[in-house]
């Protein structure tokens, strides 16, 4: 075999510089966390990698949380036991992203699309998001998103030509229950909060 082409070398070289590793290290206290941070930095240096300065930080979960892979992690006081327990729920950035997707599917540019088509486009977004975030303590966020979907579909329905002034709230509620739109929160399936 001959030498690889120059473009192949450049491609391989560019691939060798695009490596990302996300991880979380949990420690019992600040001193242990600082020691662990030094060890991780030494290991990364041996691998010729470096920690991202804005993404790398020490967090006290009793006082603040952190976001990782779309979830917000934090310790909160449990209502029943009064003890601090670690919880996770959809993070702010993930909530903002899914609201943006819903808004995009139901905005004024979709007035030429039938409501059933909008529902058919919304359902995979809802299903995928629900399947990813149904672990943890997501009930409050999932219910908030259900209300948001209802509101966006109501706005879309009332903005349509022919509906203005003719669509009543009871008629919309009837349509909504029959439309087949899926819910983010499914009682008995999605995990409940403490």
Protein backbone atom coordinates (compact mmCIF):
# COMPACT_ATOMS: atom_id res chain seq x y z
CA UNK A 1 0.00 0.00 0.00
CA UNK A 2 1.10 3.53 -0.66
CA UNK A 3 1.17 6.54 1.65
CA UNK A 4 -2.17 8.00 2.72
CA UNK A 5 -3.18 11.07 0.79
CA UNK A 6 -2.41 14.49 2.31
CA UNK A 7 -6.12 15.10 2.89
CA UNK A 8 -6.36 11.84 4.87
CA UNK A 9 -3.47 12.96 7.11
CA UNK A 10 -5.09 16.34 7.75
CA UNK A 11 -8.39 14.63 8.54
CA UNK A 12 -6.73 12.24 11.01
CA UNK A 13 -4.83 15.12 12.61
CA UNK A 14 -8.05 17.12 13.10
CA UNK A 15 -9.75 14.09 14.65
CA UNK A 16 -6.96 13.65 17.17
CA UNK A 17 -7.67 17.11 18.61
CA UNK A 18 -11.42 16.77 19.06
CA UNK A 19 -11.80 14.71 22.22
CA UNK A 20 -14.37 15.46 24.90
CA UNK A 21 -14.95 13.63 28.15
CA UNK A 22 -17.63 14.66 30.61
CA UNK A 23 -17.54 13.26 34.12
CA UNK A 24 -18.49 14.03 37.70
CA UNK A 25 -16.50 13.12 40.81
CA UNK A 26 -18.37 12.98 44.12
CA UNK A 27 -16.45 13.46 47.37
CA UNK A 28 -17.39 13.71 51.05
CA UNK A 29 -15.82 17.08 51.77
CA UNK A 30 -13.99 20.10 50.39
CA UNK A 31 -10.49 18.89 51.30
CA UNK A 32 -11.08 15.49 49.68
CA UNK A 33 -12.51 17.23 46.60
CA UNK A 34 -9.47 19.51 46.29
CA UNK A 35 -7.09 16.54 46.55
CA UNK A 36 -9.12 14.64 43.95
CA UNK A 37 -9.07 17.66 41.64
CA UNK A 38 -5.24 17.72 41.77
CA UNK A 39 -5.07 13.99 41.02
CA UNK A 40 -7.45 14.35 38.07
CA UNK A 41 -5.39 17.27 36.72
CA UNK A 42 -2.21 15.16 36.94
CA UNK A 43 -3.84 12.24 35.14
CA UNK A 44 -5.19 14.57 32.44
CA UNK A 45 -1.73 16.14 32.00
CA UNK A 46 -0.21 12.69 31.46
CA UNK A 47 -2.82 12.10 28.76
CA UNK A 48 -2.01 15.51 27.26
CA UNK A 49 -5.54 16.67 28.01
CA UNK A 50 -6.75 19.56 30.10
CA UNK A 51 -9.86 20.31 32.10
CA UNK A 52 -12.15 22.98 30.68
CA UNK A 53 -11.67 26.01 32.95
CA UNK A 54 -15.29 27.21 32.90
CA UNK A 55 -16.87 23.76 33.20
CA UNK A 56 -14.60 22.46 35.95
CA UNK A 57 -15.60 23.45 39.45
CA UNK A 58 -16.13 22.27 42.99
CA UNK A 59 -19.74 22.37 44.17
CA UNK A 60 -21.24 21.94 47.63
CA UNK A 61 -24.47 20.08 46.86
CA UNK A 62 -26.04 21.28 50.11
CA UNK A 63 -25.85 24.89 48.90
CA UNK A 64 -26.01 24.68 45.13
CA UNK A 65 -26.36 22.09 42.41
CA UNK A 66 -24.92 21.48 38.99
CA UNK A 67 -26.16 20.51 35.57
CA UNK A 68 -24.89 17.41 33.83
CA UNK A 69 -26.25 15.66 30.73
CA UNK A 70 -29.41 17.80 30.85
CA UNK A 71 -30.19 17.08 34.50
CA UNK A 72 -29.84 19.38 37.51
CA UNK A 73 -28.35 17.58 40.54
CA UNK A 74 -28.73 18.93 44.06
CA UNK A 75 -29.27 17.85 47.65
CA UNK A 76 -32.55 18.95 49.19
CA UNK A 77 -34.30 18.31 52.48
CA UNK A 78 -36.80 15.46 52.18
CA UNK A 79 -40.30 16.38 53.41
CA UNK A 80 -40.89 13.07 55.20
CA UNK A 81 -37.53 12.37 56.84
CA UNK A 82 -36.03 15.86 57.07
CA UNK A 83 -32.73 14.47 55.79
CA UNK A 84 -30.66 15.79 52.90
CA UNK A 85 -31.13 13.58 49.85
CA UNK A 86 -29.58 13.90 46.39
CA UNK A 87 -32.15 14.57 43.68
CA UNK A 88 -32.08 15.19 39.95
CA UNK A 89 -34.55 16.83 37.59
CA UNK A 90 -34.46 18.42 34.12
CA UNK A 91 -32.06 21.37 34.09
CA UNK A 92 -32.83 24.93 33.01
CA UNK A 93 -31.04 24.61 29.69
CA UNK A 94 -32.92 21.40 28.82
CA UNK A 95 -36.25 23.00 29.77
CA UNK A 96 -35.47 26.05 27.64
CA UNK A 97 -34.52 23.85 24.69
CA UNK A 98 -37.72 21.78 24.74
CA UNK A 99 -39.89 24.89 25.18
CA UNK A 100 -38.15 26.35 22.15
CA UNK A 101 -38.92 23.18 20.14
CA UNK A 102 -42.59 23.33 21.18
CA UNK A 103 -42.79 27.02 20.34
CA UNK A 104 -41.22 26.40 16.94
CA UNK A 105 -43.76 23.67 16.12
CA UNK A 106 -46.75 25.76 17.23
CA UNK A 107 -45.80 29.30 16.17
CA UNK A 108 -47.57 31.46 13.61
CA UNK A 109 -45.54 29.98 10.74
CA UNK A 110 -47.46 26.72 11.23
CA UNK A 111 -50.88 28.30 10.59
CA UNK A 112 -51.03 26.61 7.17
CA UNK A 113 -50.49 23.20 8.77
CA UNK A 114 -53.43 21.27 10.21
CA UNK A 115 -53.67 20.88 13.98
CA UNK A 116 -53.43 17.10 13.63
CA UNK A 117 -50.12 17.50 11.74
CA UNK A 118 -48.81 19.74 14.54
CA UNK A 119 -49.80 17.08 17.09
CA UNK A 120 -48.06 14.42 14.97
CA UNK A 121 -44.88 16.53 15.00
CA UNK A 122 -45.15 17.32 18.72
CA UNK A 123 -45.65 13.74 19.91
CA UNK A 124 -42.15 12.43 19.06
CA UNK A 125 -40.61 15.44 20.83
CA UNK A 126 -42.77 14.85 23.90
CA UNK A 127 -42.18 11.08 23.89
CA UNK A 128 -38.41 11.35 23.48
CA UNK A 129 -38.06 14.03 26.12
CA UNK A 130 -40.33 12.13 28.56
CA UNK A 131 -38.41 8.88 28.05
CA UNK A 132 -35.10 10.61 28.81
CA UNK A 133 -36.25 12.67 31.80
CA UNK A 134 -38.77 10.32 33.46
CA UNK A 135 -36.09 9.18 35.90
CA UNK A 136 -35.35 11.34 38.87
CA UNK A 137 -37.74 13.83 40.39
CA UNK A 138 -39.12 15.44 37.28
CA UNK A 139 -42.86 15.59 38.01
CA UNK A 140 -43.03 19.37 38.52
CA UNK A 141 -41.05 20.13 35.34
CA UNK A 142 -43.00 17.60 33.25
CA UNK A 143 -46.35 18.99 34.42
CA UNK A 144 -45.13 22.51 33.61
CA UNK A 145 -44.35 21.35 30.08
CA UNK A 146 -47.80 19.75 29.74
CA UNK A 147 -49.38 23.12 30.61
CA UNK A 148 -47.05 24.82 28.12
CA UNK A 149 -48.09 22.45 25.30
CA UNK A 150 -51.76 23.07 26.11
CA UNK A 151 -51.20 26.85 26.07
CA UNK A 152 -49.24 26.79 22.79
CA UNK A 153 -51.87 24.63 21.06
CA UNK A 154 -54.64 26.93 22.35
CA UNK A 155 -52.78 29.95 20.95
CA UNK A 156 -52.24 28.16 17.64
CA UNK A 157 -55.88 27.11 17.39
CA UNK A 158 -57.26 30.58 18.16
CA UNK A 159 -54.86 32.24 15.70
CA UNK A 160 -56.04 30.12 12.78
CA UNK A 161 -58.23 31.61 10.09
CA UNK A 162 -61.85 30.75 10.78
CA UNK A 163 -61.29 30.03 14.47
CA UNK A 164 -60.94 33.65 15.58
CA UNK A 165 -64.02 34.40 17.64
CA UNK A 166 -65.57 31.00 16.89
CA UNK A 167 -63.51 28.61 19.03
CA UNK A 168 -64.65 28.49 22.63
CA UNK A 169 -62.61 27.15 25.50
CA UNK A 170 -64.92 24.13 26.05
CA UNK A 171 -64.66 23.27 22.34
CA UNK A 172 -60.88 23.47 22.51
CA UNK A 173 -60.78 21.29 25.65
CA UNK A 174 -62.89 18.69 23.84
CA UNK A 175 -60.61 18.82 20.79
CA UNK A 176 -57.50 18.61 22.99
CA UNK A 177 -58.66 15.45 24.81
CA UNK A 178 -59.47 13.78 21.45
CA UNK A 179 -56.41 15.08 19.55
CA UNK A 180 -54.03 12.33 20.60
CA UNK A 181 -51.41 14.75 21.91
CA UNK A 182 -49.17 12.90 24.36
CA UNK A 183 -48.30 14.11 27.84
CA UNK A 184 -44.87 14.74 29.31
CA UNK A 185 -46.04 13.56 32.72
CA UNK A 186 -47.71 10.17 32.95
CA UNK A 187 -48.97 9.35 36.47
CA UNK A 188 -47.63 6.03 37.67
CA UNK A 189 -44.82 5.97 35.09
CA UNK A 190 -42.83 9.13 35.78
CA UNK A 191 -41.11 9.24 39.16
CA UNK A 192 -42.70 11.48 41.76
CA UNK A 193 -41.03 14.08 43.97
CA UNK A 194 -40.42 13.54 47.69
